[in-house]
All heavy atoms as atom14 arrays in JSON, in Angstrom:
{
  "sequence": "LVAFYPNPSAVQNYFWRQPDKPFCDSKILPKLKALAVT",
  "atom14_mask": [
    [1, 1, 1, 1, 1, 1, 1, 1, 0, 0, 0, 0, 0, 0],
    [1, 1, 1, 1, 1, 1, 1, 0, 0, 0, 0, 0, 0, 0],
    [1, 1, 1, 1, 1, 0, 0, 0, 0, 0, 0, 0, 0, 0],
    [1, 1, 1, 1, 1, 1, 1, 1, 1, 1, 1, 0, 0, 0],
    [1, 1, 1, 1, 1, 1, 1, 1, 1, 1, 1, 1, 0, 0],
    [1, 1, 1, 1, 1, 1, 1, 0, 0, 0, 0, 0, 0, 0],
    [1, 1, 1, 1, 1, 1, 1, 1, 0, 0, 0, 0, 0, 0],
    [1, 1, 1, 1, 1, 1, 1, 0, 0, 0, 0, 0, 0, 0],
    [1, 1, 1, 1, 1, 1, 0, 0, 0, 0, 0, 0, 0, 0],
    [1, 1, 1, 1, 1, 0, 0, 0, 0, 0, 0, 0, 0, 0],
    [1, 1, 1, 1, 1, 1, 1, 0, 0, 0, 0, 0, 0, 0],
    [1, 1, 1, 1, 1, 1, 1, 1, 1, 0, 0, 0, 0, 0],
    [1, 1, 1, 1, 1, 1, 1, 1, 0, 0, 0, 0, 0, 0],
    [1, 1, 1, 1, 1, 1, 1, 1, 1, 1, 1, 1, 0, 0],
    [1, 1, 1, 1, 1, 1, 1, 1, 1, 1, 1, 0, 0, 0],
    [1, 1, 1, 1, 1, 1, 1, 1, 1, 1, 1, 1, 1, 1],
    [1, 1, 1, 1, 1, 1, 1, 1, 1, 1, 1, 0, 0, 0],
    [1, 1, 1, 1, 1, 1, 1, 1, 1, 0, 0, 0, 0, 0],
    [1, 1, 1, 1, 1, 1, 1, 0, 0, 0, 0, 0, 0, 0],
    [1, 1, 1, 1, 1, 1, 1, 1, 0, 0, 0, 0, 0, 0],
    [1, 1, 1, 1, 1, 1, 1, 1, 1, 0, 0, 0, 0, 0],
    [1, 1, 1, 1, 1, 1, 1, 0, 0, 0, 0, 0, 0, 0],
    [1, 1, 1, 1, 1, 1, 1, 1, 1, 1, 1, 0, 0, 0],
    [1, 1, 1, 1, 1, 1, 0, 0, 0, 0, 0, 0, 0, 0],
    [1, 1, 1, 1, 1, 1, 1, 1, 0, 0, 0, 0, 0, 0],
    [1, 1, 1, 1, 1, 1, 0, 0, 0, 0, 0, 0, 0, 0],
    [1, 1, 1, 1, 1, 1, 1, 1, 1, 0, 0, 0, 0, 0],
    [1, 1, 1, 1, 1, 1, 1, 1, 0, 0, 0, 0, 0, 0],
    [1, 1, 1, 1, 1, 1, 1, 1, 0, 0, 0, 0, 0, 0],
    [1, 1, 1, 1, 1, 1, 1, 0, 0, 0, 0, 0, 0, 0],
    [1, 1, 1, 1, 1, 1, 1, 1, 1, 0, 0, 0, 0, 0],
    [1, 1, 1, 1, 1, 1, 1, 1, 0, 0, 0, 0, 0, 0],
    [1, 1, 1, 1, 1, 1, 1, 1, 1, 0, 0, 0, 0, 0],
    [1, 1, 1, 1, 1, 0, 0, 0, 0, 0, 0, 0, 0, 0],
    [1, 1, 1, 1, 1, 1, 1, 1, 0, 0, 0, 0, 0, 0],
    [1, 1, 1, 1, 1, 0, 0, 0, 0, 0, 0, 0, 0, 0],
    [1, 1, 1, 1, 1, 1, 1, 0, 0, 0, 0, 0, 0, 0],
    [1, 1, 1, 1, 1, 1, 1, 0, 0, 0, 0, 0, 0, 0]
  ],
  "atom14_positions": [
    [[105.66, 84.32, 135.63], [105.29, 84.22, 137.04], [105.96, 85.38, 137.79], [107.18, 85.47, 137.82], [105.76, 82.89, 137.63], [105.52, 82.69, 139.11], [104.03, 82.51, 139.4], [106.29, 81.49, 139.61], [0.0, 0.0, 0.0], [0.0, 0.0, 0.0], [0.0, 0.0, 0.0], [0.0, 0.0, 0.0], [0.0, 0.0, 0.0], [0.0, 0.0, 0.0]],
    [[105.14, 86.22, 138.39], [105.68, 87.33, 139.17], [105.91, 86.87, 140.6], [106.97, 87.13, 141.18], [104.73, 88.55, 139.12], [105.21, 89.66, 140.05], [104.59, 89.06, 137.69], [0.0, 0.0, 0.0], [0.0, 0.0, 0.0], [0.0, 0.0, 0.0], [0.0, 0.0, 0.0], [0.0, 0.0, 0.0], [0.0, 0.0, 0.0], [0.0, 0.0, 0.0]],
    [[104.93, 86.16, 141.16], [105.05, 85.68, 142.55], [104.03, 84.55, 142.75], [103.03, 84.47, 142.06], [104.79, 86.8, 143.54], [0.0, 0.0, 0.0], [0.0, 0.0, 0.0], [0.0, 0.0, 0.0], [0.0, 0.0, 0.0], [0.0, 0.0, 0.0], [0.0, 0.0, 0.0], [0.0, 0.0, 0.0], [0.0, 0.0, 0.0], [0.0, 0.0, 0.0]],
    [[104.33, 83.71, 143.75], [103.38, 82.69, 144.17], [103.19, 82.83, 145.67], [104.16, 82.94, 146.43], [103.88, 81.27, 143.85], [102.95, 80.2, 144.35], [101.77, 79.93, 143.67], [103.25, 79.49, 145.5], [100.89, 78.96, 144.15], [102.38, 78.52, 145.98], [101.2, 78.26, 145.3], [0.0, 0.0, 0.0], [0.0, 0.0, 0.0], [0.0, 0.0, 0.0]],
    [[101.92, 82.8, 146.1], [101.58, 82.93, 147.51], [100.83, 81.67, 147.93], [99.67, 81.49, 147.57], [100.71, 84.17, 147.74], [101.42, 85.44, 147.31], [101.2, 85.98, 146.05], [102.33, 86.06, 148.15], [101.87, 87.13, 145.64], [103.01, 87.21, 147.75], [102.76, 87.74, 146.49], [103.43, 88.87, 146.1], [0.0, 0.0, 0.0], [0.0, 0.0, 0.0]],
    [[101.49, 80.78, 148.66], [100.82, 79.53, 149.06], [99.73, 79.78, 150.1], [99.82, 80.73, 150.9], [101.94, 78.69, 149.65], [102.98, 79.66, 150.07], [102.86, 80.85, 149.15], [0.0, 0.0, 0.0], [0.0, 0.0, 0.0], [0.0, 0.0, 0.0], [0.0, 0.0, 0.0], [0.0, 0.0, 0.0], [0.0, 0.0, 0.0], [0.0, 0.0, 0.0]],
    [[98.72, 78.94, 150.06], [97.69, 78.96, 151.09], [98.3, 78.43, 152.39], [99.35, 77.79, 152.38], [96.51, 78.08, 150.68], [95.66, 78.77, 149.63], [95.62, 79.98, 149.54], [94.97, 77.97, 148.83], [0.0, 0.0, 0.0], [0.0, 0.0, 0.0], [0.0, 0.0, 0.0], [0.0, 0.0, 0.0], [0.0, 0.0, 0.0], [0.0, 0.0, 0.0]],
    [[97.63, 78.66, 153.52], [98.14, 78.16, 154.81], [98.29, 76.64, 154.79], [97.56, 75.93, 154.08], [97.06, 78.58, 155.82], [96.32, 79.69, 155.15], [96.4, 79.43, 153.68], [0.0, 0.0, 0.0], [0.0, 0.0, 0.0], [0.0, 0.0, 0.0], [0.0, 0.0, 0.0], [0.0, 0.0, 0.0], [0.0, 0.0, 0.0], [0.0, 0.0, 0.0]],
    [[99.22, 76.13, 155.57], [99.5, 74.7, 155.58], [98.28, 73.87, 155.98], [98.15, 72.73, 155.58], [100.68, 74.39, 156.5], [100.39, 74.79, 157.82], [0.0, 0.0, 0.0], [0.0, 0.0, 0.0], [0.0, 0.0, 0.0], [0.0, 0.0, 0.0], [0.0, 0.0, 0.0], [0.0, 0.0, 0.0], [0.0, 0.0, 0.0], [0.0, 0.0, 0.0]],
    [[97.36, 74.45, 156.73], [96.16, 73.72, 157.17], [95.27, 73.28, 156.01], [94.5, 72.33, 156.15], [95.34, 74.58, 158.14], [0.0, 0.0, 0.0], [0.0, 0.0, 0.0], [0.0, 0.0, 0.0], [0.0, 0.0, 0.0], [0.0, 0.0, 0.0], [0.0, 0.0, 0.0], [0.0, 0.0, 0.0], [0.0, 0.0, 0.0], [0.0, 0.0, 0.0]],
    [[95.37, 73.96, 154.87], [94.55, 73.56, 153.71], [95.36, 72.94, 152.58], [94.81, 72.57, 151.55], [93.69, 74.74, 153.17], [92.67, 75.18, 154.2], [94.55, 75.88, 152.7], [0.0, 0.0, 0.0], [0.0, 0.0, 0.0], [0.0, 0.0, 0.0], [0.0, 0.0, 0.0], [0.0, 0.0, 0.0], [0.0, 0.0, 0.0], [0.0, 0.0, 0.0]],
    [[96.67, 72.82, 152.76], [97.5, 72.16, 151.75], [97.17, 70.67, 151.73], [96.72, 70.11, 152.72], [98.98, 72.38, 152.02], [99.44, 73.82, 151.89], [99.37, 74.36, 150.47], [99.44, 73.64, 149.48], [99.22, 75.67, 150.37], [0.0, 0.0, 0.0], [0.0, 0.0, 0.0], [0.0, 0.0, 0.0], [0.0, 0.0, 0.0], [0.0, 0.0, 0.0]],
    [[97.41, 70.04, 150.59], [97.16, 68.61, 150.41], [95.7, 68.28, 150.72], [95.37, 67.26, 151.33], [98.11, 67.78, 151.28], [98.32, 66.4, 150.72], [98.16, 66.16, 149.53], [98.68, 65.48, 151.59], [0.0, 0.0, 0.0], [0.0, 0.0, 0.0], [0.0, 0.0, 0.0], [0.0, 0.0, 0.0], [0.0, 0.0, 0.0], [0.0, 0.0, 0.0]],
    [[94.82, 69.15, 150.27], [93.4, 69.13, 150.61], [92.75, 67.78, 150.31], [92.14, 67.17, 151.19], [92.67, 70.25, 149.86], [91.23, 70.39, 150.24], [90.87, 71.07, 151.4], [90.23, 69.84, 149.47], [89.55, 71.2, 151.77], [88.89, 69.96, 149.84], [88.56, 70.65, 150.99], [87.25, 70.77, 151.36], [0.0, 0.0, 0.0], [0.0, 0.0, 0.0]],
    [[92.86, 67.3, 149.08], [92.21, 66.05, 148.72], [92.8, 64.86, 149.44], [92.07, 64.03, 150.0], [92.29, 65.81, 147.2], [91.72, 64.47, 146.8], [90.36, 64.32, 146.59], [92.53, 63.37, 146.64], [89.82, 63.09, 146.25], [92.01, 62.13, 146.29], [90.64, 61.99, 146.1], [0.0, 0.0, 0.0], [0.0, 0.0, 0.0], [0.0, 0.0, 0.0]],
    [[94.1, 64.72, 149.44], [94.74, 63.52, 149.97], [94.63, 63.42, 151.49], [94.79, 62.35, 152.05], [96.18, 63.42, 149.48], [96.2, 63.25, 147.99], [96.5, 64.2, 147.06], [95.82, 62.08, 147.25], [96.35, 63.69, 145.79], [95.94, 62.38, 145.87], [95.42, 60.8, 147.62], [95.66, 61.46, 144.88], [95.15, 59.88, 146.61], [95.27, 60.22, 145.26]],
    [[94.32, 64.52, 152.17], [94.1, 64.48, 153.62], [92.67, 64.11, 153.97], [92.4, 63.58, 155.03], [94.42, 65.83, 154.26], [95.86, 66.13, 154.48], [96.12, 67.41, 155.28], [95.49, 68.61, 154.72], [94.38, 69.17, 155.19], [93.75, 68.67, 156.21], [93.88, 70.25, 154.62], [0.0, 0.0, 0.0], [0.0, 0.0, 0.0], [0.0, 0.0, 0.0]],
    [[91.72, 64.44, 153.06], [90.3, 64.26, 153.39], [89.48, 63.93, 152.14], [88.57, 64.67, 151.77], [89.77, 65.51, 154.06], [90.07, 66.77, 153.25], [89.98, 68.03, 154.07], [89.72, 68.0, 155.27], [90.14, 69.15, 153.42], [0.0, 0.0, 0.0], [0.0, 0.0, 0.0], [0.0, 0.0, 0.0], [0.0, 0.0, 0.0], [0.0, 0.0, 0.0]],
    [[89.77, 62.82, 151.49], [89.1, 62.5, 150.22], [87.6, 62.26, 150.34], [86.9, 62.27, 149.33], [89.82, 61.23, 149.76], [90.39, 60.63, 151.0], [90.71, 61.79, 151.89], [0.0, 0.0, 0.0], [0.0, 0.0, 0.0], [0.0, 0.0, 0.0], [0.0, 0.0, 0.0], [0.0, 0.0, 0.0], [0.0, 0.0, 0.0], [0.0, 0.0, 0.0]],
    [[87.11, 62.08, 151.57], [85.68, 61.84, 151.75], [84.84, 63.12, 151.78], [83.61, 63.05, 151.82], [85.45, 61.02, 153.02], [86.05, 61.69, 154.25], [87.03, 62.46, 154.12], [85.54, 61.44, 155.37], [0.0, 0.0, 0.0], [0.0, 0.0, 0.0], [0.0, 0.0, 0.0], [0.0, 0.0, 0.0], [0.0, 0.0, 0.0], [0.0, 0.0, 0.0]],
    [[85.47, 64.28, 151.76], [84.72, 65.54, 151.72], [83.87, 65.59, 150.45], [84.3, 65.1, 149.39], [85.67, 66.75, 151.73], [86.42, 66.93, 153.02], [85.56, 67.65, 154.02], [86.4, 68.04, 155.22], [85.62, 68.66, 156.23], [0.0, 0.0, 0.0], [0.0, 0.0, 0.0], [0.0, 0.0, 0.0], [0.0, 0.0, 0.0], [0.0, 0.0, 0.0]],
    [[82.67, 66.16, 150.51], [81.8, 66.19, 149.32], [82.45, 66.81, 148.09], [82.31, 66.29, 146.98], [80.59, 67.02, 149.79], [80.56, 66.81, 151.27], [82.01, 66.7, 151.7], [0.0, 0.0, 0.0], [0.0, 0.0, 0.0], [0.0, 0.0, 0.0], [0.0, 0.0, 0.0], [0.0, 0.0, 0.0], [0.0, 0.0, 0.0], [0.0, 0.0, 0.0]],
    [[83.19, 67.92, 148.24], [83.84, 68.54, 147.09], [84.87, 67.6, 146.49], [84.99, 67.48, 145.26], [84.51, 69.87, 147.48], [85.13, 70.58, 146.31], [84.36, 71.38, 145.48], [86.47, 70.43, 146.03], [84.93, 72.03, 144.4], [87.05, 71.07, 144.94], [86.27, 71.87, 144.13], [0.0, 0.0, 0.0], [0.0, 0.0, 0.0], [0.0, 0.0, 0.0]],
    [[85.61, 66.93, 147.34], [86.63, 65.98, 146.85], [85.98, 64.86, 146.06], [86.46, 64.49, 144.98], [87.43, 65.41, 148.03], [88.42, 66.64, 148.9], [0.0, 0.0, 0.0], [0.0, 0.0, 0.0], [0.0, 0.0, 0.0], [0.0, 0.0, 0.0], [0.0, 0.0, 0.0], [0.0, 0.0, 0.0], [0.0, 0.0, 0.0], [0.0, 0.0, 0.0]],
    [[84.9, 64.31, 146.6], [84.21, 63.2, 145.96], [83.55, 63.61, 144.64], [83.63, 62.89, 143.65], [83.17, 62.63, 146.91], [82.56, 61.35, 146.39], [83.32, 60.42, 146.07], [81.31, 61.3, 146.29], [0.0, 0.0, 0.0], [0.0, 0.0, 0.0], [0.0, 0.0, 0.0], [0.0, 0.0, 0.0], [0.0, 0.0, 0.0], [0.0, 0.0, 0.0]],
    [[82.95, 64.79, 144.61], [82.19, 65.18, 143.41], [83.02, 65.89, 142.34], [82.7, 65.79, 141.15], [81.01, 66.08, 143.8], [81.47, 67.32, 144.32], [0.0, 0.0, 0.0], [0.0, 0.0, 0.0], [0.0, 0.0, 0.0], [0.0, 0.0, 0.0], [0.0, 0.0, 0.0], [0.0, 0.0, 0.0], [0.0, 0.0, 0.0], [0.0, 0.0, 0.0]],
    [[84.07, 66.58, 142.72], [84.84, 67.38, 141.75], [86.24, 66.83, 141.47], [86.68, 66.78, 140.33], [84.97, 68.84, 142.23], [83.66, 69.54, 142.43], [82.91, 69.73, 141.14], [81.64, 70.52, 141.4], [80.72, 70.48, 140.3], [0.0, 0.0, 0.0], [0.0, 0.0, 0.0], [0.0, 0.0, 0.0], [0.0, 0.0, 0.0], [0.0, 0.0, 0.0]],
    [[86.96, 66.47, 142.52], [88.36, 66.08, 142.34], [88.5, 64.62, 141.95], [89.24, 64.29, 141.03], [89.18, 66.4, 143.61], [89.11, 67.89, 143.94], [90.62, 65.95, 143.43], [89.74, 68.28, 145.26], [0.0, 0.0, 0.0], [0.0, 0.0, 0.0], [0.0, 0.0, 0.0], [0.0, 0.0, 0.0], [0.0, 0.0, 0.0], [0.0, 0.0, 0.0]],
    [[87.77, 63.73, 142.63], [87.89, 62.31, 142.34], [87.62, 61.97, 140.87], [88.38, 61.2, 140.28], [86.98, 61.5, 143.27], [87.1, 59.98, 143.17], [88.53, 59.52, 143.45], [86.13, 59.32, 144.14], [0.0, 0.0, 0.0], [0.0, 0.0, 0.0], [0.0, 0.0, 0.0], [0.0, 0.0, 0.0], [0.0, 0.0, 0.0], [0.0, 0.0, 0.0]],
    [[86.59, 62.54, 140.24], [86.39, 62.25, 138.8], [87.59, 62.66, 137.94], [87.93, 61.97, 136.98], [85.14, 63.04, 138.43], [84.4, 63.2, 139.71], [85.47, 63.31, 140.78], [0.0, 0.0, 0.0], [0.0, 0.0, 0.0], [0.0, 0.0, 0.0], [0.0, 0.0, 0.0], [0.0, 0.0, 0.0], [0.0, 0.0, 0.0], [0.0, 0.0, 0.0]],
    [[88.24, 63.76, 138.3], [89.44, 64.18, 137.55], [90.57, 63.18, 137.72], [91.29, 62.86, 136.78], [89.89, 65.57, 137.98], [88.94, 66.67, 137.53], [89.44, 68.03, 137.91], [88.39, 69.06, 137.51], [88.93, 70.34, 137.19], [0.0, 0.0, 0.0], [0.0, 0.0, 0.0], [0.0, 0.0, 0.0], [0.0, 0.0, 0.0], [0.0, 0.0, 0.0]],
    [[90.73, 62.67, 138.94], [91.79, 61.69, 139.2], [91.51, 60.38, 138.48], [92.42, 59.75, 137.94], [91.95, 61.47, 140.69], [92.52, 62.64, 141.48], [92.48, 62.36, 142.97], [93.93, 62.97, 141.03], [0.0, 0.0, 0.0], [0.0, 0.0, 0.0], [0.0, 0.0, 0.0], [0.0, 0.0, 0.0], [0.0, 0.0, 0.0], [0.0, 0.0, 0.0]],
    [[90.25, 59.96, 138.45], [89.89, 58.74, 137.73], [90.16, 58.89, 136.24], [90.73, 57.99, 135.61], [88.43, 58.38, 137.98], [88.17, 57.84, 139.37], [86.7, 57.55, 139.57], [86.41, 57.0, 140.96], [84.96, 56.78, 141.17], [0.0, 0.0, 0.0], [0.0, 0.0, 0.0], [0.0, 0.0, 0.0], [0.0, 0.0, 0.0], [0.0, 0.0, 0.0]],
    [[89.78, 60.03, 135.67], [90.04, 60.29, 134.25], [91.54, 60.34, 133.98], [92.02, 59.82, 132.96], [89.37, 61.59, 133.82], [0.0, 0.0, 0.0], [0.0, 0.0, 0.0], [0.0, 0.0, 0.0], [0.0, 0.0, 0.0], [0.0, 0.0, 0.0], [0.0, 0.0, 0.0], [0.0, 0.0, 0.0], [0.0, 0.0, 0.0], [0.0, 0.0, 0.0]],
    [[92.28, 60.92, 134.89], [93.74, 61.0, 134.76], [94.35, 59.6, 134.73], [95.21, 59.3, 133.9], [94.3, 61.8, 135.94], [95.79, 62.03, 135.98], [96.21, 63.01, 134.9], [96.19, 62.57, 137.35], [0.0, 0.0, 0.0], [0.0, 0.0, 0.0], [0.0, 0.0, 0.0], [0.0, 0.0, 0.0], [0.0, 0.0, 0.0], [0.0, 0.0, 0.0]],
    [[93.87, 58.72, 135.6], [94.4, 57.36, 135.67], [94.1, 56.58, 134.39], [94.9, 55.75, 133.96], [93.82, 56.64, 136.88], [0.0, 0.0, 0.0], [0.0, 0.0, 0.0], [0.0, 0.0, 0.0], [0.0, 0.0, 0.0], [0.0, 0.0, 0.0], [0.0, 0.0, 0.0], [0.0, 0.0, 0.0], [0.0, 0.0, 0.0], [0.0, 0.0, 0.0]],
    [[92.97, 56.85, 133.77], [92.61, 56.17, 132.52], [93.43, 56.72, 131.35], [93.94, 55.97, 130.52], [91.1, 56.31, 132.25], [90.74, 55.85, 130.84], [90.3, 55.54, 133.28], [0.0, 0.0, 0.0], [0.0, 0.0, 0.0], [0.0, 0.0, 0.0], [0.0, 0.0, 0.0], [0.0, 0.0, 0.0], [0.0, 0.0, 0.0], [0.0, 0.0, 0.0]],
    [[93.56, 58.04, 131.3], [94.24, 58.69, 130.18], [95.76, 58.6, 130.25], [96.42, 58.45, 129.23], [93.82, 60.18, 130.11], [92.39, 60.26, 130.11], [94.35, 60.84, 128.85], [0.0, 0.0, 0.0], [0.0, 0.0, 0.0], [0.0, 0.0, 0.0], [0.0, 0.0, 0.0], [0.0, 0.0, 0.0], [0.0, 0.0, 0.0], [0.0, 0.0, 0.0]]
  ]
}
C-alpha cells in the first residue's frame, strides 16, 4: 500500500445510510445476504 485516499464523508457508509437505493438493493444486499449465510 503506497497511499489511501478516502472519498468525501458525504458518500462514506453508503449502504448503511441509504439501503433502499437501487444499487444497494440490487448489488450490495445480495452480497450481505450471502455473507450472513456463509
